[in-house]
Amino acid sequence: MYKANDDRYENAVVRRAGNSGLQLPALSFGLWHSFGDDANYGDSEKVILKAFDLGIFSFDNAYNYGPSAGAAERMFGEVYRANLKPYRDELVITTKAGFNMWPGPYGNFSSKKTLVNALDGSLKRMGLDYVDIYYSHRFDPNTSLEETAEALDEIVRSGKALYIGISNYNAAQTAEIIKYFKELHTPFVVNQASYNMLNRGIEEDGLLDTLSQNNKALVAYGPLAEGLLTDKYLGGMDDNVKIHWSNEFVIKHGKDELVKKLNELNDIAKNRNQNLAQMSLAWLLHDPTVVSVVTGASKINHLEDNLKALNNLDFTSDELAQIDKIVKE
């Protein structure tokens, strides 16, 4: 029988989402990759439990994680029921609805019917009475934001979610839905968006400013730009590299130019006694609006390596300026 490490919070770095009561570990555990159809249960169980033993108490899921819809939630649910259920009050378990969930017009986006039905399925697969954060996974161009906000508010009032989040909403969409949430007194706390040292789209859009001004937080996903911000490509990049849609534009000047930039960033990381991945995670957390960074790990050594990023979260103004110069020139 699993018993959690008694010292799991001793070195944990915990941050607050704006001025809400929601607190998250600086690194959250993401189940987007490696925890679906092709995953080995024993390996998945080991790394999930190790994460909790190391002070990571937030687990980030979505209906469409799999690759077949529901597969990652089902896997997490099996691990939760077998091991983590006694610790439910400590855990922050989140899920999202909006991307490619089931056939037909309601299997996508953020109508009331879609959001309500999707959450019922997610709770059943994970063996939960409620989730801590329920996200609208993407803006719905055909449904009014007012309907989406009202649906999410009713979900909280039904007891099936404690807090509400949105994901992949830009600054204007975020500002509008915040207005409805304020009118409804909905506990909206975070926007989860693609953000990393190379991908600065949300800075240019003004999303960070919008969240900060409203005492809301950002959860960053894709922190390593699909492996670009690791040591994997420091020696070069072939033509078969696949990049997530949210990071594709970073190769706009060609792969050789990108490799040069990665090596320059790596030199800064070495001076900080970090590898490139660790510095990339730490960099995201230098902004207090970023409450947590979602990172996945299929192996325990990857998880432990990521956590070392938290040993040095301080950046000098010179370091930040150097990073901006390398990335933006």
C-alpha atoms as a PDB file:
ATOM      1  CA  MET A   1       0.000   0.000   0.000  1.00  0.00           C
ATOM      2  CA  TYR A   2       1.376   3.400  -1.001  1.00  0.00           C
ATOM      3  CA  LYS A   3       2.279   5.789   1.805  1.00  0.00           C
ATOM      4  CA  ALA A   4       3.306   9.307   0.806  1.00  0.00           C
ATOM      5  CA  ASN A   5       6.685  10.681   1.847  1.00  0.00           C
ATOM      6  CA  ASP A   6       6.301  12.483   5.198  1.00  0.00           C
ATOM      7  CA  ASP A   7       8.727  15.208   4.055  1.00  0.00           C
ATOM      8  CA  ARG A   8       6.965  15.922   0.751  1.00  0.00           C
ATOM      9  CA  TYR A   9       6.402  19.604   1.508  1.00  0.00           C
ATOM     10  CA  GLU A  10       9.786  20.289   3.090  1.00  0.00           C
ATOM     11  CA  ASN A  11      11.354  21.684  -0.094  1.00  0.00           C
ATOM     12  CA  ALA A  12       8.177  22.427  -2.037  1.00  0.00           C
ATOM     13  CA  VAL A  13       7.906  25.832  -3.730  1.00  0.00           C
ATOM     14  CA  VAL A  14       4.266  26.934  -3.512  1.00  0.00           C
ATOM     15  CA  ARG A  15       2.789  30.030  -5.170  1.00  0.00           C
ATOM     16  CA  ARG A  16      -0.567  31.763  -4.883  1.00  0.00           C
ATOM     17  CA  ALA A  17      -2.834  32.455  -7.863  1.00  0.00           C
ATOM     18  CA  GLY A  18      -3.387  36.210  -7.705  1.00  0.00           C
ATOM     19  CA  ASN A  19      -5.296  37.145  -4.564  1.00  0.00           C
ATOM     20  CA  SER A  20      -7.338  33.924  -4.516  1.00  0.00           C
ATOM     21  CA  GLY A  21      -7.122  31.079  -2.035  1.00  0.00           C
ATOM     22  CA  LEU A  22      -5.749  28.771  -4.717  1.00  0.00           C
ATOM     23  CA  GLN A  23      -2.124  27.753  -4.189  1.00  0.00           C
ATOM     24  CA  LEU A  24      -0.137  25.612  -6.610  1.00  0.00           C
ATOM     25  CA  PRO A  25       3.309  24.056  -6.682  1.00  0.00           C
ATOM     26  CA  ALA A  26       5.705  26.042  -8.886  1.00  0.00           C
ATOM     27  CA  LEU A  27       5.846  22.971 -11.115  1.00  0.00           C
ATOM     28  CA  SER A  28       2.620  21.096 -11.859  1.00  0.00           C
ATOM     29  CA  PHE A  29       2.550  17.585 -13.296  1.00  0.00           C
ATOM     30  CA  GLY A  30       1.068  17.451 -16.807  1.00  0.00           C
ATOM     31  CA  LEU A  31      -0.464  14.301 -18.287  1.00  0.00           C
ATOM     32  CA  TRP A  32      -0.586  15.468 -21.908  1.00  0.00           C
ATOM     33  CA  HIS A  33       2.117  13.086 -23.119  1.00  0.00           C
ATOM     34  CA  SER A  34       3.005   9.535 -22.074  1.00  0.00           C
ATOM     35  CA  PHE A  35      -0.059   8.755 -19.943  1.00  0.00           C
ATOM     36  CA  GLY A  36      -2.637   7.571 -22.454  1.00  0.00           C
ATOM     37  CA  ASP A  37      -3.277   4.561 -24.663  1.00  0.00           C
ATOM     38  CA  ASP A  38       0.323   3.444 -25.070  1.00  0.00           C
ATOM     39  CA  ALA A  39       1.435   4.071 -21.493  1.00  0.00           C
ATOM     40  CA  ASN A  40       2.657   1.349 -19.192  1.00  0.00           C
ATOM     41  CA  TYR A  41       0.596   1.518 -16.000  1.00  0.00           C
ATOM     42  CA  GLY A  42       3.464   0.574 -13.700  1.00  0.00           C
ATOM     43  CA  ASP A  43       5.792   3.246 -15.125  1.00  0.00           C
ATOM     44  CA  SER A  44       3.055   5.888 -15.028  1.00  0.00           C
ATOM     45  CA  GLU A  45       2.182   5.024 -11.452  1.00  0.00           C
ATOM     46  CA  LYS A  46       5.809   5.297 -10.338  1.00  0.00           C
ATOM     47  CA  VAL A  47       6.398   8.754 -11.784  1.00  0.00           C
ATOM     48  CA  ILE A  48       3.035  10.177 -10.608  1.00  0.00           C
ATOM     49  CA  LEU A  49       3.626   8.956  -7.046  1.00  0.00           C
ATOM     50  CA  LYS A  50       7.228  10.179  -7.097  1.00  0.00           C
ATOM     51  CA  ALA A  51       5.962  13.611  -8.131  1.00  0.00           C
ATOM     52  CA  PHE A  52       3.665  13.733  -5.108  1.00  0.00           C
ATOM     53  CA  ASP A  53       6.467  12.514  -2.835  1.00  0.00           C
ATOM     54  CA  LEU A  54       8.581  15.434  -4.085  1.00  0.00           C
ATOM     55  CA  GLY A  55       5.954  18.062  -3.297  1.00  0.00           C
ATOM     56  CA  ILE A  56       4.141  18.260  -6.646  1.00  0.00           C
ATOM     57  CA  PHE A  57       0.500  18.115  -5.610  1.00  0.00           C
ATOM     58  CA  SER A  58      -1.108  19.520  -8.774  1.00  0.00           C
ATOM     59  CA  PHE A  59      -2.004  17.180 -11.651  1.00  0.00           C
ATOM     60  CA  ASP A  60      -3.075  18.730 -14.959  1.00  0.00           C
ATOM     61  CA  ASN A  61      -5.332  16.765 -17.282  1.00  0.00           C
ATOM     62  CA  ALA A  62      -7.798  17.290 -20.142  1.00  0.00           C
ATOM     63  CA  TYR A  63     -10.599  15.274 -21.720  1.00  0.00           C
ATOM     64  CA  ASN A  64      -8.691  14.963 -25.014  1.00  0.00           C
ATOM     65  CA  TYR A  65      -5.325  13.832 -23.591  1.00  0.00           C
ATOM     66  CA  GLY A  66      -4.654  10.345 -24.794  1.00  0.00           C
ATOM     67  CA  PRO A  67      -4.154  10.393 -27.769  1.00  0.00           C
ATOM     68  CA  SER A  68      -7.644   8.850 -27.695  1.00  0.00           C
ATOM     69  CA  ALA A  69     -10.058  11.024 -25.728  1.00  0.00           C
ATOM     70  CA  GLY A  70     -10.282  10.149 -22.052  1.00  0.00           C
ATOM     71  CA  ALA A  71      -7.269   7.826 -21.988  1.00  0.00           C
ATOM     72  CA  ALA A  72      -5.000   9.971 -19.786  1.00  0.00           C
ATOM     73  CA  GLU A  73      -7.842  10.708 -17.363  1.00  0.00           C
ATOM     74  CA  ARG A  74      -8.576   6.996 -17.152  1.00  0.00           C
ATOM     75  CA  MET A  75      -4.926   6.191 -16.420  1.00  0.00           C
ATOM     76  CA  PHE A  76      -4.690   8.914 -13.793  1.00  0.00           C
ATOM     77  CA  GLY A  77      -7.947   7.699 -12.245  1.00  0.00           C
ATOM     78  CA  GLU A  78      -6.547   4.202 -11.819  1.00  0.00           C
ATOM     79  CA  VAL A  79      -3.434   5.554 -10.087  1.00  0.00           C
ATOM     80  CA  TYR A  80      -5.544   7.896  -7.942  1.00  0.00           C
ATOM     81  CA  ARG A  81      -7.989   5.213  -6.779  1.00  0.00           C
ATOM     82  CA  ALA A  82      -5.193   2.751  -5.997  1.00  0.00           C
ATOM     83  CA  ASN A  83      -2.878   5.152  -4.176  1.00  0.00           C
ATOM     84  CA  LEU A  84      -3.817   8.810  -3.833  1.00  0.00           C
ATOM     85  CA  LYS A  85      -7.450   8.798  -2.719  1.00  0.00           C
ATOM     86  CA  PRO A  86      -6.524   9.138   1.008  1.00  0.00           C
ATOM     87  CA  TYR A  87      -4.680  12.358   0.066  1.00  0.00           C
ATOM     88  CA  ARG A  88      -7.511  13.978  -1.918  1.00  0.00           C
ATOM     89  CA  ASP A  89      -7.658  17.049   0.328  1.00  0.00           C
ATOM     90  CA  GLU A  90      -4.011  17.818  -0.499  1.00  0.00           C
ATOM     91  CA  LEU A  91      -4.305  17.378  -4.250  1.00  0.00           C
ATOM     92  CA  VAL A  92      -5.166  19.921  -6.922  1.00  0.00           C
ATOM     93  CA  ILE A  93      -6.617  17.904  -9.809  1.00  0.00           C
ATOM     94  CA  THR A  94      -7.595  19.808 -12.923  1.00  0.00           C
ATOM     95  CA  THR A  95      -9.129  19.013 -16.279  1.00  0.00           C
ATOM     96  CA  LYS A  96     -10.291  20.813 -19.414  1.00  0.00           C
ATOM     97  CA  ALA A  97     -12.950  20.512 -22.091  1.00  0.00           C
ATOM     98  CA  GLY A  98     -13.003  21.894 -25.621  1.00  0.00           C
ATOM     99  CA  PHE A  99     -10.736  19.927 -27.966  1.00  0.00           C
ATOM    100  CA  ASN A 100     -11.787  16.823 -29.962  1.00  0.00           C
ATOM    101  CA  MET A 101     -13.663  14.873 -27.298  1.00  0.00           C
ATOM    102  CA  TRP A 102     -16.421  12.887 -29.048  1.00  0.00           C
ATOM    103  CA  PRO A 103     -18.145  12.835 -32.477  1.00  0.00           C
ATOM    104  CA  GLY A 104     -20.707  15.417 -33.473  1.00  0.00           C
ATOM    105  CA  PRO A 105     -21.143  19.151 -32.953  1.00  0.00           C
ATOM    106  CA  TYR A 106     -20.916  19.033 -29.147  1.00  0.00           C
ATOM    107  CA  GLY A 107     -17.547  17.267 -29.002  1.00  0.00           C
ATOM    108  CA  ASN A 108     -15.628  20.531 -29.341  1.00  0.00           C
ATOM    109  CA  PHE A 109     -15.536  24.092 -27.974  1.00  0.00           C
ATOM    110  CA  SER A 110     -17.370  25.649 -25.018  1.00  0.00           C
ATOM    111  CA  SER A 111     -21.149  25.543 -25.194  1.00  0.00           C
ATOM    112  CA  LYS A 112     -23.019  24.841 -21.966  1.00  0.00           C
ATOM    113  CA  LYS A 113     -23.969  21.324 -23.093  1.00  0.00           C
ATOM    114  CA  THR A 114     -20.381  20.527 -24.062  1.00  0.00           C
ATOM    115  CA  LEU A 115     -18.844  21.767 -20.801  1.00  0.00           C
ATOM    116  CA  VAL A 116     -21.409  20.065 -18.539  1.00  0.00           C
ATOM    117  CA  ASN A 117     -21.354  16.722 -20.338  1.00  0.00           C
ATOM    118  CA  ALA A 118     -17.570  16.673 -20.643  1.00  0.00           C
ATOM    119  CA  LEU A 119     -17.022  17.237 -16.934  1.00  0.00           C
ATOM    120  CA  ASP A 120     -19.411  14.436 -16.003  1.00  0.00           C
ATOM    121  CA  GLY A 121     -17.360  12.062 -18.151  1.00  0.00           C
ATOM    122  CA  SER A 122     -14.064  13.307 -16.739  1.00  0.00           C
ATOM    123  CA  LEU A 123     -15.185  12.899 -13.124  1.00  0.00           C
ATOM    124  CA  LYS A 124     -16.372   9.367 -13.819  1.00  0.00           C
ATOM    125  CA  ARG A 125     -13.093   8.333 -15.470  1.00  0.00           C
ATOM    126  CA  MET A 126     -10.955   9.771 -12.675  1.00  0.00           C
ATOM    127  CA  GLY A 127     -13.194   8.541  -9.853  1.00  0.00           C
ATOM    128  CA  LEU A 128     -13.722  12.039  -8.444  1.00  0.00           C
ATOM    129  CA  ASP A 129     -16.641  13.963  -6.961  1.00  0.00           C
ATOM    130  CA  TYR A 130     -15.139  17.266  -8.083  1.00  0.00           C
ATOM    131  CA  VAL A 131     -12.097  18.810  -9.765  1.00  0.00           C
ATOM    132  CA  ASP A 132     -10.170  21.685  -8.248  1.00  0.00           C
ATOM    133  CA  ILE A 133      -9.946  23.681 -11.479  1.00  0.00           C
ATOM    134  CA  TYR A 134     -12.177  23.152 -14.509  1.00  0.00           C
ATOM    135  CA  TYR A 135     -11.016  24.848 -17.696  1.00  0.00           C
ATOM    136  CA  SER A 136     -12.678  25.909 -20.885  1.00  0.00           C
ATOM    137  CA  HIS A 137      -9.871  24.550 -23.066  1.00  0.00           C
ATOM    138  CA  ARG A 138     -10.300  27.068 -25.885  1.00  0.00           C
ATOM    139  CA  PHE A 139     -12.303  30.087 -26.936  1.00  0.00           C
ATOM    140  CA  ASP A 140     -15.462  29.196 -28.851  1.00  0.00           C
ATOM    141  CA  PRO A 141     -15.961  31.587 -31.798  1.00  0.00           C
ATOM    142  CA  ASN A 142     -19.608  30.543 -32.227  1.00  0.00           C
ATOM    143  CA  THR A 143     -20.819  30.677 -28.621  1.00  0.00           C
ATOM    144  CA  SER A 144     -21.153  33.869 -26.626  1.00  0.00           C
ATOM    145  CA  LEU A 145     -18.613  34.250 -23.834  1.00  0.00           C
ATOM    146  CA  GLU A 146     -21.547  35.021 -21.584  1.00  0.00           C
ATOM    147  CA  GLU A 147     -22.977  31.515 -22.124  1.00  0.00           C
ATOM    148  CA  THR A 148     -19.590  29.919 -21.453  1.00  0.00           C
ATOM    149  CA  ALA A 149     -19.135  31.975 -18.281  1.00  0.00           C
ATOM    150  CA  GLU A 150     -22.630  31.150 -17.010  1.00  0.00           C
ATOM    151  CA  ALA A 151     -22.101  27.433 -17.687  1.00  0.00           C
ATOM    152  CA  LEU A 152     -18.813  27.430 -15.783  1.00  0.00           C
ATOM    153  CA  ASP A 153     -20.379  29.375 -12.930  1.00  0.00           C
ATOM    154  CA  GLU A 154     -23.231  26.867 -12.650  1.00  0.00           C
ATOM    155  CA  ILE A 155     -20.702  24.021 -12.612  1.00  0.00           C
ATOM    156  CA  VAL A 156     -19.028  25.539  -9.544  1.00  0.00           C
ATOM    157  CA  ARG A 157     -22.407  26.018  -7.874  1.00  0.00           C
ATOM    158  CA  SER A 158     -23.223  22.360  -8.576  1.00  0.00           C
ATOM    159  CA  GLY A 159     -20.173  21.341  -6.520  1.00  0.00           C
ATOM    160  CA  LYS A 160     -18.378  19.655  -9.413  1.00  0.00           C
ATOM    161  CA  ALA A 161     -15.521  22.203  -9.531  1.00  0.00           C
ATOM    162  CA  LEU A 162     -13.994  24.503  -6.920  1.00  0.00           C
ATOM    163  CA  TYR A 163     -12.325  27.004  -9.260  1.00  0.00           C
ATOM    164  CA  ILE A 164     -12.635  27.947 -12.912  1.00  0.00           C
ATOM    165  CA  GLY A 165      -9.906  28.417 -15.497  1.00  0.00           C
ATOM    166  CA  ILE A 166      -9.680  29.217 -19.183  1.00  0.00           C
ATOM    167  CA  SER A 167      -7.006  28.081 -21.611  1.00  0.00           C
ATOM    168  CA  ASN A 168      -5.724  29.467 -24.913  1.00  0.00           C
ATOM    169  CA  TYR A 169      -7.837  32.647 -24.557  1.00  0.00           C
ATOM    170  CA  ASN A 170      -6.130  35.834 -25.714  1.00  0.00           C
ATOM    171  CA  ALA A 171      -6.053  39.106 -23.731  1.00  0.00           C
ATOM    172  CA  ALA A 172      -9.267  40.551 -25.209  1.00  0.00           C
ATOM    173  CA  GLN A 173     -11.213  37.323 -24.730  1.00  0.00           C
ATOM    174  CA  THR A 174      -9.862  37.023 -21.194  1.00  0.00           C
ATOM    175  CA  ALA A 175     -10.845  40.599 -20.308  1.00  0.00           C
ATOM    176  CA  GLU A 176     -14.383  40.070 -21.592  1.00  0.00           C
ATOM    177  CA  ILE A 177     -15.019  36.795 -19.781  1.00  0.00           C
ATOM    178  CA  ILE A 178     -13.524  38.230 -16.554  1.00  0.00           C
ATOM    179  CA  LYS A 179     -16.264  40.886 -16.718  1.00  0.00           C
ATOM    180  CA  TYR A 180     -18.950  38.167 -16.712  1.00  0.00           C
ATOM    181  CA  PHE A 181     -17.211  36.193 -13.982  1.00  0.00           C
ATOM    182  CA  LYS A 182     -17.115  39.312 -11.788  1.00  0.00           C
ATOM    183  CA  GLU A 183     -20.845  39.869 -12.273  1.00  0.00           C
ATOM    184  CA  LEU A 184     -21.557  36.230 -11.402  1.00  0.00           C
ATOM    185  CA  HIS A 185     -19.018  36.102  -8.529  1.00  0.00           C
ATOM    186  CA  THR A 186     -17.438  33.041 -10.151  1.00  0.00           C
ATOM    187  CA  PRO A 187     -14.137  31.866  -8.606  1.00  0.00           C
ATOM    188  CA  PHE A 188     -12.149  32.320 -11.807  1.00  0.00           C
ATOM    189  CA  VAL A 189      -8.426  32.051 -11.080  1.00  0.00           C
ATOM    190  CA  VAL A 190      -6.174  31.228 -14.050  1.00  0.00           C
ATOM    191  CA  ASN A 191      -5.596  31.268 -17.766  1.00  0.00           C
ATOM    192  CA  GLN A 192      -3.416  28.400 -19.003  1.00  0.00           C
ATOM    193  CA  ALA A 193      -1.433  29.399 -22.077  1.00  0.00           C
ATOM    194  CA  SER A 194       1.554  28.371 -24.168  1.00  0.00           C
ATOM    195  CA  TYR A 195       4.535  30.365 -22.936  1.00  0.00           C
ATOM    196  CA  ASN A 196       8.281  29.915 -22.884  1.00  0.00           C
ATOM    197  CA  MET A 197      11.502  31.841 -23.476  1.00  0.00           C
ATOM    198  CA  LEU A 198      11.149  31.475 -27.252  1.00  0.00           C
ATOM    199  CA  ASN A 199       7.380  31.852 -27.474  1.00  0.00           C
ATOM    200  CA  ARG A 200       6.498  35.352 -26.217  1.00  0.00           C
ATOM    201  CA  GLY A 201       3.140  35.714 -27.942  1.00  0.00           C
ATOM    202  CA  ILE A 202       1.202  36.300 -24.732  1.00  0.00           C
ATOM    203  CA  GLU A 203       3.546  39.170 -23.796  1.00  0.00           C
ATOM    204  CA  GLU A 204       2.945  40.892 -27.118  1.00  0.00           C
ATOM    205  CA  ASP A 205      -0.806  40.258 -26.832  1.00  0.00           C
ATOM    206  CA  GLY A 206      -0.939  41.804 -23.350  1.00  0.00           C
ATOM    207  CA  LEU A 207      -2.329  38.714 -21.629  1.00  0.00           C
ATOM    208  CA  LEU A 208       0.091  38.850 -18.697  1.00  0.00           C
ATOM    209  CA  ASP A 209      -0.838  42.482 -18.061  1.00  0.00           C
ATOM    210  CA  THR A 210      -4.565  41.708 -18.273  1.00  0.00           C
ATOM    211  CA  LEU A 211      -4.239  38.905 -15.715  1.00  0.00           C
ATOM    212  CA  SER A 212      -2.033  40.906 -13.378  1.00  0.00           C
ATOM    213  CA  GLN A 213      -4.351  43.926 -13.428  1.00  0.00           C
ATOM    214  CA  ASN A 214      -7.258  41.668 -12.420  1.00  0.00           C
ATOM    215  CA  ASN A 215      -5.326  39.761  -9.723  1.00  0.00           C
ATOM    216  CA  LYS A 216      -5.513  36.567 -11.791  1.00  0.00           C
ATOM    217  CA  ALA A 217      -2.694  34.170 -12.642  1.00  0.00           C
ATOM    218  CA  LEU A 218      -1.119  32.397 -15.574  1.00  0.00           C
ATOM    219  CA  VAL A 219      -0.334  28.699 -15.726  1.00  0.00           C
ATOM    220  CA  ALA A 220       2.298  28.182 -18.422  1.00  0.00           C
ATOM    221  CA  TYR A 221       2.288  25.083 -20.612  1.00  0.00           C
ATOM    222  CA  GLY A 222       4.855  24.093 -23.223  1.00  0.00           C
ATOM    223  CA  PRO A 223       7.693  25.516 -21.100  1.00  0.00           C
ATOM    224  CA  LEU A 224      10.415  23.697 -23.018  1.00  0.00           C
ATOM    225  CA  ALA A 225       8.962  24.369 -26.490  1.00  0.00           C
ATOM    226  CA  GLU A 226       8.558  20.693 -27.297  1.00  0.00           C
ATOM    227  CA  GLY A 227      12.141  19.909 -26.350  1.00  0.00           C
ATOM    228  CA  LEU A 228      13.722  22.861 -28.152  1.00  0.00           C
ATOM    229  CA  LEU A 229      14.735  24.374 -24.802  1.00  0.00           C
ATOM    230  CA  THR A 230      16.729  21.329 -23.717  1.00  0.00           C
ATOM    231  CA  ASP A 231      20.189  20.081 -24.639  1.00  0.00           C
ATOM    232  CA  LYS A 232      18.620  17.887 -27.334  1.00  0.00           C
ATOM    233  CA  TYR A 233      19.328  20.239 -30.263  1.00  0.00           C
ATOM    234  CA  LEU A 234      22.477  22.054 -29.156  1.00  0.00           C
ATOM    235  CA  GLY A 235      24.474  20.024 -31.683  1.00  0.00           C
ATOM    236  CA  GLY A 236      22.060  20.686 -34.556  1.00  0.00           C
ATOM    237  CA  MET A 237      18.554  19.981 -35.804  1.00  0.00           C
ATOM    238  CA  ASP A 238      17.405  17.750 -38.659  1.00  0.00           C
ATOM    239  CA  ASP A 239      14.376  18.232 -40.895  1.00  0.00           C
ATOM    240  CA  ASN A 240      12.235  15.694 -39.031  1.00  0.00           C
ATOM    241  CA  VAL A 241      11.774  17.812 -35.893  1.00  0.00           C
ATOM    242  CA  LYS A 242       8.061  18.195 -35.103  1.00  0.00           C
ATOM    243  CA  ILE A 243       6.934  21.289 -33.233  1.00  0.00           C
ATOM    244  CA  HIS A 244       3.586  21.894 -31.488  1.00  0.00           C
ATOM    245  CA  TRP A 245       1.419  24.444 -33.339  1.00  0.00           C
ATOM    246  CA  SER A 246       1.886  26.982 -30.528  1.00  0.00           C
ATOM    247  CA  ASN A 247       5.670  27.030 -31.034  1.00  0.00           C
ATOM    248  CA  GLU A 248       6.040  26.558 -34.804  1.00  0.00           C
ATOM    249  CA  PHE A 249       6.859  30.209 -35.445  1.00  0.00           C
ATOM    250  CA  VAL A 250      10.106  30.037 -33.439  1.00  0.00           C
ATOM    251  CA  ILE A 251      11.819  28.396 -36.421  1.00  0.00           C
ATOM    252  CA  LYS A 252      10.897  31.315 -38.706  1.00  0.00           C
ATOM    253  CA  HIS A 253      14.537  32.326 -39.270  1.00  0.00           C
ATOM    254  CA  GLY A 254      15.698  28.793 -40.014  1.00  0.00           C
ATOM    255  CA  LYS A 255      16.965  25.918 -37.912  1.00  0.00           C
ATOM    256  CA  ASP A 256      20.635  26.908 -37.999  1.00  0.00           C
ATOM    257  CA  GLU A 257      19.819  30.331 -36.562  1.00  0.00           C
ATOM    258  CA  LEU A 258      17.676  28.710 -33.847  1.00  0.00           C
ATOM    259  CA  VAL A 259      20.477  26.296 -32.865  1.00  0.00           C
ATOM    260  CA  LYS A 260      22.835  29.262 -32.535  1.00  0.00           C
ATOM    261  CA  LYS A 261      20.377  30.998 -30.199  1.00  0.00           C
ATOM    262  CA  LEU A 262      19.886  27.845 -28.134  1.00  0.00           C
ATOM    263  CA  ASN A 263      23.635  27.578 -27.585  1.00  0.00           C
ATOM    264  CA  GLU A 264      23.823  31.217 -26.507  1.00  0.00           C
ATOM    265  CA  LEU A 265      21.011  30.618 -24.022  1.00  0.00           C
ATOM    266  CA  ASN A 266      22.768  27.482 -22.817  1.00  0.00           C
ATOM    267  CA  ASP A 267      25.892  29.532 -22.036  1.00  0.00           C
ATOM    268  CA  ILE A 268      23.810  31.737 -19.718  1.00  0.00           C
ATOM    269  CA  ALA A 269      22.335  28.635 -18.085  1.00  0.00           C
ATOM    270  CA  LYS A 270      25.801  27.161 -17.443  1.00  0.00           C
ATOM    271  CA  ASN A 271      26.832  30.364 -15.684  1.00  0.00           C
ATOM    272  CA  ARG A 272      23.811  29.880 -13.409  1.00  0.00           C
ATOM    273  CA  ASN A 273      24.790  26.239 -12.688  1.00  0.00           C
ATOM    274  CA  GLN A 274      21.726  25.069 -14.589  1.00  0.00           C
ATOM    275  CA  ASN A 275      21.107  23.242 -17.821  1.00  0.00           C
ATOM    276  CA  LEU A 276      19.028  24.903 -20.522  1.00  0.00           C
ATOM    277  CA  ALA A 277      15.804  23.157 -19.502  1.00  0.00           C
ATOM    278  CA  GLN A 278      16.208  24.137 -15.853  1.00  0.00           C
ATOM    279  CA  MET A 279      16.877  27.773 -16.722  1.00  0.00           C
ATOM    280  CA  SER A 280      13.876  27.770 -19.064  1.00  0.00           C
ATOM    281  CA  LEU A 281      11.580  26.593 -16.265  1.00  0.00           C
ATOM    282  CA  ALA A 282      13.085  29.043 -13.778  1.00  0.00           C
ATOM    283  CA  TRP A 283      12.760  31.927 -16.265  1.00  0.00           C
ATOM    284  CA  LEU A 284       8.993  31.459 -16.480  1.00  0.00           C
ATOM    285  CA  LEU A 285       8.715  31.720 -12.704  1.00  0.00           C
ATOM    286  CA  HIS A 286      10.562  35.037 -12.481  1.00  0.00           C
ATOM    287  CA  ASP A 287       7.226  36.720 -13.269  1.00  0.00           C
ATOM    288  CA  PRO A 288       4.929  36.639 -10.192  1.00  0.00           C
ATOM    289  CA  THR A 289       1.860  36.430 -12.463  1.00  0.00           C
ATOM    290  CA  VAL A 290       2.971  32.898 -13.402  1.00  0.00           C
ATOM    291  CA  VAL A 291       1.625  30.734 -10.584  1.00  0.00           C
ATOM    292  CA  SER A 292       2.768  27.367 -11.968  1.00  0.00           C
ATOM    293  CA  VAL A 293       4.475  25.739 -14.933  1.00  0.00           C
ATOM    294  CA  VAL A 294       3.055  22.503 -16.327  1.00  0.00           C
ATOM    295  CA  THR A 295       5.744  20.018 -17.207  1.00  0.00           C
ATOM    296  CA  GLY A 296       5.393  16.341 -17.982  1.00  0.00           C
ATOM    297  CA  ALA A 297       7.860  13.589 -17.195  1.00  0.00           C
ATOM    298  CA  SER A 298       7.648   9.956 -18.204  1.00  0.00           C
ATOM    299  CA  LYS A 299      10.726   8.993 -16.167  1.00  0.00           C
ATOM    300  CA  ILE A 300      11.668   9.749 -12.579  1.00  0.00           C
ATOM    301  CA  ASN A 301      15.103  11.124 -13.505  1.00  0.00           C
ATOM    302  CA  HIS A 302      13.458  13.671 -15.859  1.00  0.00           C
ATOM    303  CA  LEU A 303      11.134  14.722 -13.045  1.00  0.00           C
ATOM    304  CA  GLU A 304      13.999  15.151 -10.600  1.00  0.00           C
ATOM    305  CA  ASP A 305      16.022  17.081 -13.169  1.00  0.00           C
ATOM    306  CA  ASN A 306      13.129  19.496 -13.767  1.00  0.00           C
ATOM    307  CA  LEU A 307      12.720  20.107 -10.047  1.00  0.00           C
ATOM    308  CA  LYS A 308      16.336  21.267  -9.798  1.00  0.00           C
ATOM    309  CA  ALA A 309      15.180  24.395 -11.659  1.00  0.00           C
ATOM    310  CA  LEU A 310      13.647  25.546  -8.378  1.00  0.00           C
ATOM    311  CA  ASN A 311      17.091  25.720  -6.739  1.00  0.00           C
ATOM    312  CA  ASN A 312      17.804  28.999  -8.548  1.00  0.00           C
ATOM    313  CA  LEU A 313      14.797  31.138  -9.432  1.00  0.00           C
ATOM    314  CA  ASP A 314      16.560  34.511  -9.183  1.00  0.00           C
ATOM    315  CA  PHE A 315      17.640  36.346 -12.325  1.00  0.00           C
ATOM    316  CA  THR A 316      19.728  39.486 -12.507  1.00  0.00           C
ATOM    317  CA  SER A 317      18.502  42.303 -14.732  1.00  0.00           C
ATOM    318  CA  ASP A 318      21.545  41.630 -16.949  1.00  0.00           C
ATOM    319  CA  GLU A 319      20.580  37.981 -17.390  1.00  0.00           C
ATOM    320  CA  LEU A 320      17.006  38.897 -18.316  1.00  0.00           C
ATOM    321  CA  ALA A 321      18.250  41.501 -20.791  1.00  0.00           C
ATOM    322  CA  GLN A 322      20.689  39.025 -22.358  1.00  0.00           C
ATOM    323  CA  ILE A 323      17.958  36.417 -22.767  1.00  0.00           C
ATOM    324  CA  ASP A 324      15.642  38.950 -24.403  1.00  0.00           C
ATOM    325  CA  LYS A 325      18.388  40.117 -26.749  1.00  0.00           C
ATOM    326  CA  ILE A 326      19.177  36.556 -27.882  1.00  0.00           C
ATOM    327  CA  VAL A 327      15.553  35.559 -28.358  1.00  0.00           C
ATOM    328  CA  LYS A 328      14.171  38.737 -29.908  1.00  0.00           C
ATOM    329  CA  GLU A 329      16.958  39.802 -32.306  1.00  0.00           C
END
